[in-house]
Each structure stands twice: as structure tokens, then as C-alpha cells.
Amino acid sequence: MHVLSIPTWIIHVSSVIEWIAAIWLIWTYGEVTKNRAWYALSLGMLPALVSAMCACTWHYFDNPKSLEWLVTLQAAMTVLGNFTLLLAGWLIWRSAKSAMVKTPGSQDQTPSSTNLGL
């Protein structure tokens, strides 16, 4: 475990904890607003969390050759996570776009507060 300094470990571990908290908070936001598109974002964050855990595990065991597969898994989870977050962002955008309603007697579109979860 001597590969990283204590401050670097604090950053690594706190980032993982923050990511877990963000996943939970986003899921809760989806429940409160009854907008299921937010569930996709919280689920889309999981591959990036796995990637971060791979990095922490790799460093915890002092980067041994026997765990080099973790580096490959981390890279794969990062790529997968980028795509799942892209998809989740698109689903949220689509959800917000479909929540746009035309107001009677107006050409303007305004978001429906019930559909956007506000």
C-alpha cells in the first residue's frame, strides 16, 4: 500500500464514497420526481464506480503483475461507463423534451413542472 501517499488515498477513497452517494441521491431524485429517466443515470454510473474500485484495488495491493487484469477491467469499465452515461443523459434529455407542452393560445413551449419533477 506504499505506492500512494496518504493524501492521495484520501482522495481515492473519498471519490468512491462520493460516487456511491451521488448514485443513491440521483436514484432518490428519480423516485421523488417519479421520473424514471433519472434511474438510468444512477445505473449508468455503476460501471464508472466499478472502474474506480478496480483502481483502488490495484493500488492497495501495490500494483502486482498478478492483478494486471484489473487495469484492463478498469479501462473496459471506463469505456462502458462513458457510453452508459451518454445513454442516460440522452434519456433524461428525451424525458425533458417530451415533458414540453404547448400552452393554450401560445406558440411558446413551456416545460410541464409535473413531468420534469419540479
PDB file of N, CA and C in Angstrom:
ATOM      1  N   MET A   1       0.813  -1.185   0.000  1.00  0.00           N
ATOM      2  CA  MET A   1       0.000   0.000   0.000  1.00  0.00           C
ATOM      3  C   MET A   1       0.862   1.257   0.000  1.00  0.00           C
ATOM      4  N   HIS A   2       2.148   1.106  -0.102  1.00  0.00           N
ATOM      5  CA  HIS A   2       3.055   2.250  -0.036  1.00  0.00           C
ATOM      6  C   HIS A   2       3.176   3.012  -1.345  1.00  0.00           C
ATOM      7  N   VAL A   3       2.538   2.529  -2.394  1.00  0.00           N
ATOM      8  CA  VAL A   3       2.657   3.160  -3.706  1.00  0.00           C
ATOM      9  C   VAL A   3       2.056   4.570  -3.709  1.00  0.00           C
ATOM     10  N   LEU A   4       0.952   4.772  -3.013  1.00  0.00           N
ATOM     11  CA  LEU A   4       0.297   6.074  -2.991  1.00  0.00           C
ATOM     12  C   LEU A   4       0.466   6.729  -1.623  1.00  0.00           C
ATOM     13  N   SER A   5       0.527   8.049  -1.626  1.00  0.00           N
ATOM     14  CA  SER A   5       0.644   8.784  -0.365  1.00  0.00           C
ATOM     15  C   SER A   5      -0.711   8.801   0.349  1.00  0.00           C
ATOM     16  N   ILE A   6      -0.701   9.126   1.623  1.00  0.00           N
ATOM     17  CA  ILE A   6      -1.941   9.195   2.405  1.00  0.00           C
ATOM     18  C   ILE A   6      -2.924  10.203   1.794  1.00  0.00           C
ATOM     19  N   PRO A   7      -2.492  11.429   1.432  1.00  0.00           N
ATOM     20  CA  PRO A   7      -3.447  12.354   0.814  1.00  0.00           C
ATOM     21  C   PRO A   7      -4.058  11.809  -0.486  1.00  0.00           C
ATOM     22  N   THR A   8      -3.266  11.087  -1.258  1.00  0.00           N
ATOM     23  CA  THR A   8      -3.781  10.502  -2.495  1.00  0.00           C
ATOM     24  C   THR A   8      -4.808   9.425  -2.185  1.00  0.00           C
ATOM     25  N   TRP A   9      -4.560   8.627  -1.147  1.00  0.00           N
ATOM     26  CA  TRP A   9      -5.534   7.621  -0.727  1.00  0.00           C
ATOM     27  C   TRP A   9      -6.826   8.278  -0.267  1.00  0.00           C
ATOM     28  N   ILE A  10      -6.702   9.382   0.460  1.00  0.00           N
ATOM     29  CA  ILE A  10      -7.902  10.087   0.930  1.00  0.00           C
ATOM     30  C   ILE A  10      -8.745  10.528  -0.263  1.00  0.00           C
ATOM     31  N   ILE A  11      -8.083  11.051  -1.285  1.00  0.00           N
ATOM     32  CA  ILE A  11      -8.798  11.477  -2.498  1.00  0.00           C
ATOM     33  C   ILE A  11      -9.461  10.278  -3.181  1.00  0.00           C
ATOM     34  N   HIS A  12      -8.720   9.178  -3.329  1.00  0.00           N
ATOM     35  CA  HIS A  12      -9.275   7.991  -3.990  1.00  0.00           C
ATOM     36  C   HIS A  12     -10.499   7.459  -3.250  1.00  0.00           C
ATOM     37  N   VAL A  13     -10.364   7.266  -1.958  1.00  0.00           N
ATOM     38  CA  VAL A  13     -11.458   6.673  -1.177  1.00  0.00           C
ATOM     39  C   VAL A  13     -12.642   7.631  -1.082  1.00  0.00           C
ATOM     40  N   SER A  14     -12.378   8.897  -0.850  1.00  0.00           N
ATOM     41  CA  SER A  14     -13.491   9.851  -0.753  1.00  0.00           C
ATOM     42  C   SER A  14     -14.218   9.984  -2.088  1.00  0.00           C
ATOM     43  N   SER A  15     -13.506   9.880  -3.190  1.00  0.00           N
ATOM     44  CA  SER A  15     -14.153   9.936  -4.508  1.00  0.00           C
ATOM     45  C   SER A  15     -15.098   8.760  -4.712  1.00  0.00           C
ATOM     46  N   VAL A  16     -14.677   7.576  -4.282  1.00  0.00           N
ATOM     47  CA  VAL A  16     -15.546   6.400  -4.399  1.00  0.00           C
ATOM     48  C   VAL A  16     -16.782   6.577  -3.518  1.00  0.00           C
ATOM     49  N   ILE A  17     -16.588   7.057  -2.295  1.00  0.00           N
ATOM     50  CA  ILE A  17     -17.712   7.273  -1.387  1.00  0.00           C
ATOM     51  C   ILE A  17     -18.665   8.328  -1.958  1.00  0.00           C
ATOM     52  N   GLU A  18     -18.113   9.400  -2.506  1.00  0.00           N
ATOM     53  CA  GLU A  18     -18.946  10.446  -3.110  1.00  0.00           C
ATOM     54  C   GLU A  18     -19.727   9.904  -4.304  1.00  0.00           C
ATOM     55  N   TRP A  19     -19.098   9.048  -5.093  1.00  0.00           N
ATOM     56  CA  TRP A  19     -19.768   8.477  -6.269  1.00  0.00           C
ATOM     57  C   TRP A  19     -20.941   7.602  -5.825  1.00  0.00           C
ATOM     58  N   ILE A  20     -20.726   6.803  -4.758  1.00  0.00           N
ATOM     59  CA  ILE A  20     -21.807   5.970  -4.223  1.00  0.00           C
ATOM     60  C   ILE A  20     -22.948   6.859  -3.730  1.00  0.00           C
ATOM     61  N   ALA A  21     -22.605   7.921  -3.019  1.00  0.00           N
ATOM     62  CA  ALA A  21     -23.631   8.846  -2.520  1.00  0.00           C
ATOM     63  C   ALA A  21     -24.380   9.497  -3.673  1.00  0.00           C
ATOM     64  N   ALA A  22     -23.667   9.873  -4.727  1.00  0.00           N
ATOM     65  CA  ALA A  22     -24.314  10.502  -5.886  1.00  0.00           C
ATOM     66  C   ALA A  22     -25.276   9.529  -6.560  1.00  0.00           C
ATOM     67  N   ILE A  23     -24.879   8.277  -6.687  1.00  0.00           N
ATOM     68  CA  ILE A  23     -25.758   7.266  -7.282  1.00  0.00           C
ATOM     69  C   ILE A  23     -27.043   7.153  -6.466  1.00  0.00           C
ATOM     70  N   TRP A  24     -26.907   7.069  -5.163  1.00  0.00           N
ATOM     71  CA  TRP A  24     -28.068   6.955  -4.288  1.00  0.00           C
ATOM     72  C   TRP A  24     -28.952   8.201  -4.358  1.00  0.00           C
ATOM     73  N   LEU A  25     -28.328   9.392  -4.339  1.00  0.00           N
ATOM     74  CA  LEU A  25     -29.105  10.632  -4.391  1.00  0.00           C
ATOM     75  C   LEU A  25     -29.852  10.786  -5.718  1.00  0.00           C
ATOM     76  N   ILE A  26     -29.222  10.421  -6.810  1.00  0.00           N
ATOM     77  CA  ILE A  26     -29.875  10.514  -8.118  1.00  0.00           C
ATOM     78  C   ILE A  26     -31.036   9.525  -8.205  1.00  0.00           C
ATOM     79  N   TRP A  27     -30.847   8.325  -7.684  1.00  0.00           N
ATOM     80  CA  TRP A  27     -31.929   7.342  -7.655  1.00  0.00           C
ATOM     81  C   TRP A  27     -33.103   7.882  -6.837  1.00  0.00           C
ATOM     82  N   THR A  28     -32.790   8.452  -5.678  1.00  0.00           N
ATOM     83  CA  THR A  28     -33.821   9.028  -4.813  1.00  0.00           C
ATOM     84  C   THR A  28     -34.543  10.173  -5.516  1.00  0.00           C
ATOM     85  N   TYR A  29     -33.799  11.004  -6.237  1.00  0.00           N
ATOM     86  CA  TYR A  29     -34.417  12.091  -7.002  1.00  0.00           C
ATOM     87  C   TYR A  29     -35.406  11.530  -8.021  1.00  0.00           C
ATOM     88  N   GLY A  30     -35.032  10.450  -8.669  1.00  0.00           N
ATOM     89  CA  GLY A  30     -35.939   9.807  -9.618  1.00  0.00           C
ATOM     90  C   GLY A  30     -37.205   9.303  -8.949  1.00  0.00           C
ATOM     91  N   GLU A  31     -37.060   8.756  -7.734  1.00  0.00           N
ATOM     92  CA  GLU A  31     -38.241   8.292  -7.002  1.00  0.00           C
ATOM     93  C   GLU A  31     -39.142   9.453  -6.595  1.00  0.00           C
ATOM     94  N   VAL A  32     -38.540  10.507  -6.075  1.00  0.00           N
ATOM     95  CA  VAL A  32     -39.312  11.658  -5.604  1.00  0.00           C
ATOM     96  C   VAL A  32     -40.056  12.338  -6.753  1.00  0.00           C
ATOM     97  N   THR A  33     -39.375  12.489  -7.877  1.00  0.00           N
ATOM     98  CA  THR A  33     -39.977  13.184  -9.017  1.00  0.00           C
ATOM     99  C   THR A  33     -40.818  12.256  -9.894  1.00  0.00           C
ATOM    100  N   LYS A  34     -40.743  10.965  -9.610  1.00  0.00           N
ATOM    101  CA  LYS A  34     -41.436   9.948 -10.416  1.00  0.00           C
ATOM    102  C   LYS A  34     -41.015  10.005 -11.884  1.00  0.00           C
ATOM    103  N   ASN A  35     -39.774  10.378 -12.099  1.00  0.00           N
ATOM    104  CA  ASN A  35     -39.210  10.434 -13.444  1.00  0.00           C
ATOM    105  C   ASN A  35     -38.173   9.319 -13.544  1.00  0.00           C
ATOM    106  N   ARG A  36     -38.534   8.250 -14.216  1.00  0.00           N
ATOM    107  CA  ARG A  36     -37.678   7.062 -14.295  1.00  0.00           C
ATOM    108  C   ARG A  36     -36.405   7.288 -15.098  1.00  0.00           C
ATOM    109  N   ALA A  37     -36.337   8.350 -15.860  1.00  0.00           N
ATOM    110  CA  ALA A  37     -35.117   8.628 -16.633  1.00  0.00           C
ATOM    111  C   ALA A  37     -33.920   8.829 -15.703  1.00  0.00           C
ATOM    112  N   TRP A  38     -34.171   9.322 -14.503  1.00  0.00           N
ATOM    113  CA  TRP A  38     -33.081   9.533 -13.550  1.00  0.00           C
ATOM    114  C   TRP A  38     -32.529   8.212 -13.026  1.00  0.00           C
ATOM    115  N   TYR A  39     -33.359   7.153 -13.017  1.00  0.00           N
ATOM    116  CA  TYR A  39     -32.860   5.839 -12.627  1.00  0.00           C
ATOM    117  C   TYR A  39     -31.758   5.397 -13.591  1.00  0.00           C
ATOM    118  N   ALA A  40     -31.957   5.700 -14.856  1.00  0.00           N
ATOM    119  CA  ALA A  40     -30.963   5.323 -15.859  1.00  0.00           C
ATOM    120  C   ALA A  40     -29.616   5.977 -15.567  1.00  0.00           C
ATOM    121  N   LEU A  41     -29.654   7.221 -15.108  1.00  0.00           N
ATOM    122  CA  LEU A  41     -28.394   7.888 -14.784  1.00  0.00           C
ATOM    123  C   LEU A  41     -27.699   7.199 -13.624  1.00  0.00           C
ATOM    124  N   SER A  42     -28.450   6.870 -12.581  1.00  0.00           N
ATOM    125  CA  SER A  42     -27.812   6.220 -11.435  1.00  0.00           C
ATOM    126  C   SER A  42     -27.264   4.847 -11.828  1.00  0.00           C
ATOM    127  N   LEU A  43     -27.989   4.107 -12.636  1.00  0.00           N
ATOM    128  CA  LEU A  43     -27.481   2.815 -13.104  1.00  0.00           C
ATOM    129  C   LEU A  43     -26.305   2.996 -14.065  1.00  0.00           C
ATOM    130  N   GLY A  44     -26.371   4.041 -14.874  1.00  0.00           N
ATOM    131  CA  GLY A  44     -25.285   4.318 -15.813  1.00  0.00           C
ATOM    132  C   GLY A  44     -23.987   4.707 -15.127  1.00  0.00           C
ATOM    133  N   MET A  45     -24.078   5.114 -13.877  1.00  0.00           N
ATOM    134  CA  MET A  45     -22.885   5.486 -13.115  1.00  0.00           C
ATOM    135  C   MET A  45     -22.152   4.266 -12.549  1.00  0.00           C
ATOM    136  N   LEU A  46     -22.808   3.116 -12.510  1.00  0.00           N
ATOM    137  CA  LEU A  46     -22.207   1.931 -11.890  1.00  0.00           C
ATOM    138  C   LEU A  46     -20.914   1.454 -12.564  1.00  0.00           C
ATOM    139  N   PRO A  47     -20.826   1.406 -13.903  1.00  0.00           N
ATOM    140  CA  PRO A  47     -19.549   0.982 -14.493  1.00  0.00           C
ATOM    141  C   PRO A  47     -18.374   1.891 -14.101  1.00  0.00           C
ATOM    142  N   ALA A  48     -18.626   3.177 -13.982  1.00  0.00           N
ATOM    143  CA  ALA A  48     -17.558   4.093 -13.559  1.00  0.00           C
ATOM    144  C   ALA A  48     -17.165   3.824 -12.109  1.00  0.00           C
ATOM    145  N   LEU A  49     -18.127   3.444 -11.288  1.00  0.00           N
ATOM    146  CA  LEU A  49     -17.824   3.084  -9.900  1.00  0.00           C
ATOM    147  C   LEU A  49     -16.967   1.822  -9.852  1.00  0.00           C
ATOM    148  N   VAL A  50     -17.305   0.836 -10.664  1.00  0.00           N
ATOM    149  CA  VAL A  50     -16.505  -0.389 -10.740  1.00  0.00           C
ATOM    150  C   VAL A  50     -15.085  -0.048 -11.189  1.00  0.00           C
ATOM    151  N   SER A  51     -14.969   0.848 -12.159  1.00  0.00           N
ATOM    152  CA  SER A  51     -13.659   1.284 -12.638  1.00  0.00           C
ATOM    153  C   SER A  51     -12.835   1.893 -11.506  1.00  0.00           C
ATOM    154  N   ALA A  52     -13.453   2.749 -10.715  1.00  0.00           N
ATOM    155  CA  ALA A  52     -12.749   3.378  -9.595  1.00  0.00           C
ATOM    156  C   ALA A  52     -12.335   2.344  -8.557  1.00  0.00           C
ATOM    157  N   MET A  53     -13.196   1.372  -8.310  1.00  0.00           N
ATOM    158  CA  MET A  53     -12.863   0.326  -7.341  1.00  0.00           C
ATOM    159  C   MET A  53     -11.719  -0.553  -7.844  1.00  0.00           C
ATOM    160  N   CYS A  54     -11.667  -0.772  -9.143  1.00  0.00           N
ATOM    161  CA  CYS A  54     -10.539  -1.517  -9.725  1.00  0.00           C
ATOM    162  C   CYS A  54      -9.232  -0.775  -9.476  1.00  0.00           C
ATOM    163  N   ALA A  55      -9.257   0.531  -9.688  1.00  0.00           N
ATOM    164  CA  ALA A  55      -8.050   1.333  -9.482  1.00  0.00           C
ATOM    165  C   ALA A  55      -7.610   1.282  -8.023  1.00  0.00           C
ATOM    166  N   CYS A  56      -8.547   1.425  -7.114  1.00  0.00           N
ATOM    167  CA  CYS A  56      -8.210   1.384  -5.682  1.00  0.00           C
ATOM    168  C   CYS A  56      -7.650   0.013  -5.293  1.00  0.00           C
ATOM    169  N   THR A  57      -8.268  -1.046  -5.806  1.00  0.00           N
ATOM    170  CA  THR A  57      -7.790  -2.403  -5.504  1.00  0.00           C
ATOM    171  C   THR A  57      -6.386  -2.616  -6.049  1.00  0.00           C
ATOM    172  N   TRP A  58      -6.148  -2.190  -7.257  1.00  0.00           N
ATOM    173  CA  TRP A  58      -4.836  -2.306  -7.895  1.00  0.00           C
ATOM    174  C   TRP A  58      -3.764  -1.612  -7.052  1.00  0.00           C
ATOM    175  N   HIS A  59      -4.050  -0.413  -6.621  1.00  0.00           N
ATOM    176  CA  HIS A  59      -3.077   0.333  -5.816  1.00  0.00           C
ATOM    177  C   HIS A  59      -2.944  -0.230  -4.408  1.00  0.00           C
ATOM    178  N   TYR A  60      -4.029  -0.721  -3.834  1.00  0.00           N
ATOM    179  CA  TYR A  60      -3.987  -1.264  -2.481  1.00  0.00           C
ATOM    180  C   TYR A  60      -2.994  -2.425  -2.392  1.00  0.00           C
ATOM    181  N   PHE A  61      -2.969  -3.254  -3.415  1.00  0.00           N
ATOM    182  CA  PHE A  61      -2.068  -4.406  -3.426  1.00  0.00           C
ATOM    183  C   PHE A  61      -0.728  -4.112  -4.085  1.00  0.00           C
ATOM    184  N   ASP A  62      -0.365  -2.850  -4.182  1.00  0.00           N
ATOM    185  CA  ASP A  62       0.945  -2.418  -4.710  1.00  0.00           C
ATOM    186  C   ASP A  62       1.190  -2.803  -6.158  1.00  0.00           C
ATOM    187  N   ASN A  63       0.170  -2.751  -6.970  1.00  0.00           N
ATOM    188  CA  ASN A  63       0.283  -2.933  -8.421  1.00  0.00           C
ATOM    189  C   ASN A  63       0.996  -4.235  -8.833  1.00  0.00           C
ATOM    190  N   PRO A  64       0.583  -5.381  -8.303  1.00  0.00           N
ATOM    191  CA  PRO A  64       1.273  -6.629  -8.655  1.00  0.00           C
ATOM    192  C   PRO A  64       0.937  -7.093 -10.077  1.00  0.00           C
ATOM    193  N   LYS A  65       1.866  -7.834 -10.658  1.00  0.00           N
ATOM    194  CA  LYS A  65       1.647  -8.382 -12.007  1.00  0.00           C
ATOM    195  C   LYS A  65       0.441  -9.315 -12.040  1.00  0.00           C
ATOM    196  N   SER A  66       0.196 -10.021 -10.941  1.00  0.00           N
ATOM    197  CA  SER A  66      -0.916 -10.979 -10.911  1.00  0.00           C
ATOM    198  C   SER A  66      -2.284 -10.297 -10.998  1.00  0.00           C
ATOM    199  N   LEU A  67      -2.323  -9.003 -10.738  1.00  0.00           N
ATOM    200  CA  LEU A  67      -3.594  -8.272 -10.810  1.00  0.00           C
ATOM    201  C   LEU A  67      -3.650  -7.301 -11.991  1.00  0.00           C
ATOM    202  N   GLU A  68      -2.795  -7.530 -12.986  1.00  0.00           N
ATOM    203  CA  GLU A  68      -2.816  -6.640 -14.152  1.00  0.00           C
ATOM    204  C   GLU A  68      -4.146  -6.665 -14.884  1.00  0.00           C
ATOM    205  N   TRP A  69      -4.899  -7.751 -14.742  1.00  0.00           N
ATOM    206  CA  TRP A  69      -6.221  -7.826 -15.370  1.00  0.00           C
ATOM    207  C   TRP A  69      -7.140  -6.734 -14.842  1.00  0.00           C
ATOM    208  N   LEU A  70      -6.861  -6.230 -13.630  1.00  0.00           N
ATOM    209  CA  LEU A  70      -7.671  -5.136 -13.093  1.00  0.00           C
ATOM    210  C   LEU A  70      -7.526  -3.864 -13.926  1.00  0.00           C
ATOM    211  N   VAL A  71      -6.337  -3.661 -14.476  1.00  0.00           N
ATOM    212  CA  VAL A  71      -6.116  -2.480 -15.317  1.00  0.00           C
ATOM    213  C   VAL A  71      -6.970  -2.584 -16.576  1.00  0.00           C
ATOM    214  N   THR A  72      -7.017  -3.767 -17.157  1.00  0.00           N
ATOM    215  CA  THR A  72      -7.851  -3.991 -18.334  1.00  0.00           C
ATOM    216  C   THR A  72      -9.332  -3.831 -17.991  1.00  0.00           C
ATOM    217  N   LEU A  73      -9.729  -4.389 -16.851  1.00  0.00           N
ATOM    218  CA  LEU A  73     -11.120  -4.255 -16.421  1.00  0.00           C
ATOM    219  C   LEU A  73     -11.459  -2.796 -16.146  1.00  0.00           C
ATOM    220  N   GLN A  74     -10.534  -2.073 -15.537  1.00  0.00           N
ATOM    221  CA  GLN A  74     -10.766  -0.650 -15.271  1.00  0.00           C
ATOM    222  C   GLN A  74     -10.980   0.112 -16.585  1.00  0.00           C
ATOM    223  N   ALA A  75     -10.127  -0.146 -17.565  1.00  0.00           N
ATOM    224  CA  ALA A  75     -10.262   0.532 -18.858  1.00  0.00           C
ATOM    225  C   ALA A  75     -11.595   0.180 -19.530  1.00  0.00           C
ATOM    226  N   ALA A  76     -11.957  -1.097 -19.476  1.00  0.00           N
ATOM    227  CA  ALA A  76     -13.214  -1.525 -20.090  1.00  0.00           C
ATOM    228  C   ALA A  76     -14.418  -0.883 -19.393  1.00  0.00           C
ATOM    229  N   MET A  77     -14.371  -0.835 -18.071  1.00  0.00           N
ATOM    230  CA  MET A  77     -15.477  -0.225 -17.319  1.00  0.00           C
ATOM    231  C   MET A  77     -15.556   1.284 -17.564  1.00  0.00           C
ATOM    232  N   THR A  78     -14.411   1.918 -17.773  1.00  0.00           N
ATOM    233  CA  THR A  78     -14.412   3.348 -18.086  1.00  0.00           C
ATOM    234  C   THR A  78     -15.097   3.597 -19.429  1.00  0.00           C
ATOM    235  N   VAL A  79     -14.750   2.795 -20.427  1.00  0.00           N
ATOM    236  CA  VAL A  79     -15.373   2.942 -21.748  1.00  0.00           C
ATOM    237  C   VAL A  79     -16.871   2.638 -21.665  1.00  0.00           C
ATOM    238  N   LEU A  80     -17.213   1.524 -21.012  1.00  0.00           N
ATOM    239  CA  LEU A  80     -18.621   1.171 -20.861  1.00  0.00           C
ATOM    240  C   LEU A  80     -19.367   2.268 -20.097  1.00  0.00           C
ATOM    241  N   GLY A  81     -18.757   2.775 -19.029  1.00  0.00           N
ATOM    242  CA  GLY A  81     -19.371   3.834 -18.242  1.00  0.00           C
ATOM    243  C   GLY A  81     -19.594   5.103 -19.036  1.00  0.00           C
ATOM    244  N   ASN A  82     -18.659   5.434 -19.910  1.00  0.00           N
ATOM    245  CA  ASN A  82     -18.842   6.617 -20.750  1.00  0.00           C
ATOM    246  C   ASN A  82     -20.069   6.464 -21.640  1.00  0.00           C
ATOM    247  N   PHE A  83     -20.257   5.266 -22.185  1.00  0.00           N
ATOM    248  CA  PHE A  83     -21.413   5.042 -23.047  1.00  0.00           C
ATOM    249  C   PHE A  83     -22.715   4.974 -22.254  1.00  0.00           C
ATOM    250  N   THR A  84     -22.695   4.350 -21.064  1.00  0.00           N
ATOM    251  CA  THR A  84     -23.916   4.278 -20.280  1.00  0.00           C
ATOM    252  C   THR A  84     -24.329   5.662 -19.776  1.00  0.00           C
ATOM    253  N   LEU A  85     -23.353   6.504 -19.453  1.00  0.00           N
ATOM    254  CA  LEU A  85     -23.675   7.872 -19.042  1.00  0.00           C
ATOM    255  C   LEU A  85     -24.187   8.698 -20.216  1.00  0.00           C
ATOM    256  N   LEU A  86     -23.632   8.463 -21.394  1.00  0.00           N
ATOM    257  CA  LEU A  86     -24.140   9.120 -22.597  1.00  0.00           C
ATOM    258  C   LEU A  86     -25.598   8.730 -22.832  1.00  0.00           C
ATOM    259  N   LEU A  87     -25.881   7.446 -22.742  1.00  0.00           N
ATOM    260  CA  LEU A  87     -27.244   6.966 -22.937  1.00  0.00           C
ATOM    261  C   LEU A  87     -28.183   7.542 -21.878  1.00  0.00           C
ATOM    262  N   ALA A  88     -27.740   7.563 -20.635  1.00  0.00           N
ATOM    263  CA  ALA A  88     -28.578   8.108 -19.556  1.00  0.00           C
ATOM    264  C   ALA A  88     -28.855   9.595 -19.776  1.00  0.00           C
ATOM    265  N   GLY A  89     -27.845  10.331 -20.196  1.00  0.00           N
ATOM    266  CA  GLY A  89     -28.043  11.747 -20.494  1.00  0.00           C
ATOM    267  C   GLY A  89     -29.054  11.947 -21.607  1.00  0.00           C
ATOM    268  N   TRP A  90     -28.966  11.103 -22.620  1.00  0.00           N
ATOM    269  CA  TRP A  90     -29.917  11.182 -23.733  1.00  0.00           C
ATOM    270  C   TRP A  90     -31.334  10.866 -23.257  1.00  0.00           C
ATOM    271  N   LEU A  91     -31.466   9.859 -22.381  1.00  0.00           N
ATOM    272  CA  LEU A  91     -32.793   9.513 -21.868  1.00  0.00           C
ATOM    273  C   LEU A  91     -33.386  10.650 -21.037  1.00  0.00           C
ATOM    274  N   ILE A  92     -32.560  11.313 -20.252  1.00  0.00           N
ATOM    275  CA  ILE A  92     -33.042  12.455 -19.464  1.00  0.00           C
ATOM    276  C   ILE A  92     -33.448  13.591 -20.400  1.00  0.00           C
ATOM    277  N   TRP A  93     -32.642  13.845 -21.416  1.00  0.00           N
ATOM    278  CA  TRP A  93     -32.970  14.889 -22.396  1.00  0.00           C
ATOM    279  C   TRP A  93     -34.292  14.564 -23.088  1.00  0.00           C
ATOM    280  N   ARG A  94     -34.449  13.313 -23.497  1.00  0.00           N
ATOM    281  CA  ARG A  94     -35.671  12.902 -24.173  1.00  0.00           C
ATOM    282  C   ARG A  94     -36.880  13.029 -23.247  1.00  0.00           C
ATOM    283  N   SER A  95     -36.675  12.685 -21.989  1.00  0.00           N
ATOM    284  CA  SER A  95     -37.746  12.804 -21.000  1.00  0.00           C
ATOM    285  C   SER A  95     -38.145  14.269 -20.827  1.00  0.00           C
ATOM    286  N   ALA A  96     -37.167  15.147 -20.750  1.00  0.00           N
ATOM    287  CA  ALA A  96     -37.451  16.576 -20.598  1.00  0.00           C
ATOM    288  C   ALA A  96     -38.105  17.126 -21.858  1.00  0.00           C
ATOM    289  N   LYS A  97     -37.651  16.659 -23.012  1.00  0.00           N
ATOM    290  CA  LYS A  97     -38.219  17.133 -24.279  1.00  0.00           C
ATOM    291  C   LYS A  97     -39.673  16.704 -24.408  1.00  0.00           C
ATOM    292  N   SER A  98     -39.979  15.467 -23.997  1.00  0.00           N
ATOM    293  CA  SER A  98     -41.363  15.003 -24.092  1.00  0.00           C
ATOM    294  C   SER A  98     -42.252  15.675 -23.054  1.00  0.00           C
ATOM    295  N   ALA A  99     -41.645  16.252 -22.017  1.00  0.00           N
ATOM    296  CA  ALA A  99     -42.413  16.947 -20.992  1.00  0.00           C
ATOM    297  C   ALA A  99     -42.791  18.355 -21.433  1.00  0.00           C
ATOM    298  N   MET A 100     -42.228  18.813 -22.529  1.00  0.00           N
ATOM    299  CA  MET A 100     -42.565  20.140 -23.038  1.00  0.00           C
ATOM    300  C   MET A 100     -43.996  20.102 -23.582  1.00  0.00           C
ATOM    301  N   VAL A 101     -44.785  21.037 -23.148  1.00  0.00           N
ATOM    302  CA  VAL A 101     -46.177  21.097 -23.612  1.00  0.00           C
ATOM    303  C   VAL A 101     -46.456  22.477 -24.173  1.00  0.00           C
ATOM    304  N   LYS A 102     -47.325  22.518 -25.145  1.00  0.00           N
ATOM    305  CA  LYS A 102     -47.735  23.811 -25.696  1.00  0.00           C
ATOM    306  C   LYS A 102     -48.791  24.418 -24.789  1.00  0.00           C
ATOM    307  N   THR A 103     -48.591  25.665 -24.478  1.00  0.00           N
ATOM    308  CA  THR A 103     -49.600  26.353 -23.665  1.00  0.00           C
ATOM    309  C   THR A 103     -50.740  26.773 -24.576  1.00  0.00           C
ATOM    310  N   PRO A 104     -51.979  26.701 -24.098  1.00  0.00           N
ATOM    311  CA  PRO A 104     -53.123  27.072 -24.938  1.00  0.00           C
ATOM    312  C   PRO A 104     -53.026  28.526 -25.395  1.00  0.00           C
ATOM    313  N   GLY A 105     -53.248  28.755 -26.674  1.00  0.00           N
ATOM    314  CA  GLY A 105     -53.254  30.096 -27.231  1.00  0.00           C
ATOM    315  C   GLY A 105     -51.873  30.702 -27.408  1.00  0.00           C
ATOM    316  N   SER A 106     -50.830  29.899 -27.318  1.00  0.00           N
ATOM    317  CA  SER A 106     -49.471  30.427 -27.448  1.00  0.00           C
ATOM    318  C   SER A 106     -48.647  29.491 -28.320  1.00  0.00           C
ATOM    319  N   GLN A 107     -47.687  30.069 -28.993  1.00  0.00           N
ATOM    320  CA  GLN A 107     -46.767  29.273 -29.800  1.00  0.00           C
ATOM    321  C   GLN A 107     -45.571  28.803 -28.977  1.00  0.00           C
ATOM    322  N   ASP A 108     -45.392  29.390 -27.811  1.00  0.00           N
ATOM    323  CA  ASP A 108     -44.240  29.051 -26.975  1.00  0.00           C
ATOM    324  C   ASP A 108     -44.446  27.694 -26.325  1.00  0.00           C
ATOM    325  N   GLN A 109     -43.336  27.023 -26.097  1.00  0.00           N
ATOM    326  CA  GLN A 109     -43.382  25.773 -25.372  1.00  0.00           C
ATOM    327  C   GLN A 109     -42.828  26.020 -23.975  1.00  0.00           C
ATOM    328  N   THR A 110     -43.513  25.498 -22.990  1.00  0.00           N
ATOM    329  CA  THR A 110     -43.024  25.603 -21.617  1.00  0.00           C
ATOM    330  C   THR A 110     -42.974  24.218 -21.021  1.00  0.00           C
ATOM    331  N   PRO A 111     -41.993  23.965 -20.159  1.00  0.00           N
ATOM    332  CA  PRO A 111     -41.919  22.624 -19.561  1.00  0.00           C
ATOM    333  C   PRO A 111     -43.040  22.418 -18.559  1.00  0.00           C
ATOM    334  N   SER A 112     -43.576  21.260 -18.580  1.00  0.00           N
ATOM    335  CA  SER A 112     -44.589  20.896 -17.590  1.00  0.00           C
ATOM    336  C   SER A 112     -43.884  20.535 -16.304  1.00  0.00           C
ATOM    337  N   SER A 113     -44.192  21.260 -15.224  1.00  0.00           N
ATOM    338  CA  SER A 113     -43.484  21.022 -13.966  1.00  0.00           C
ATOM    339  C   SER A 113     -43.746  19.635 -13.417  1.00  0.00           C
ATOM    340  N   THR A 114     -44.883  19.039 -13.715  1.00  0.00           N
ATOM    341  CA  THR A 114     -45.147  17.701 -13.193  1.00  0.00           C
ATOM    342  C   THR A 114     -44.312  16.654 -13.922  1.00  0.00           C
ATOM    343  N   ASN A 115     -44.092  16.810 -15.201  1.00  0.00           N
ATOM    344  CA  ASN A 115     -43.305  15.850 -15.958  1.00  0.00           C
ATOM    345  C   ASN A 115     -41.820  15.980 -15.722  1.00  0.00           C
ATOM    346  N   LEU A 116     -41.370  17.181 -15.389  1.00  0.00           N
ATOM    347  CA  LEU A 116     -39.952  17.389 -15.129  1.00  0.00           C
ATOM    348  C   LEU A 116     -39.590  17.089 -13.694  1.00  0.00           C
ATOM    349  N   GLY A 117     -40.574  16.857 -12.871  1.00  0.00           N
ATOM    350  CA  GLY A 117     -40.315  16.529 -11.495  1.00  0.00           C
ATOM    351  C   GLY A 117     -40.034  17.737 -10.642  1.00  0.00           C
ATOM    352  N   LEU A 118     -40.534  18.891 -11.031  1.00  0.00           N
ATOM    353  CA  LEU A 118     -40.309  20.108 -10.245  1.00  0.00           C
ATOM    354  C   LEU A 118     -41.486  20.430  -9.374  1.00  0.00           C
TER     355      LEU A 118
END
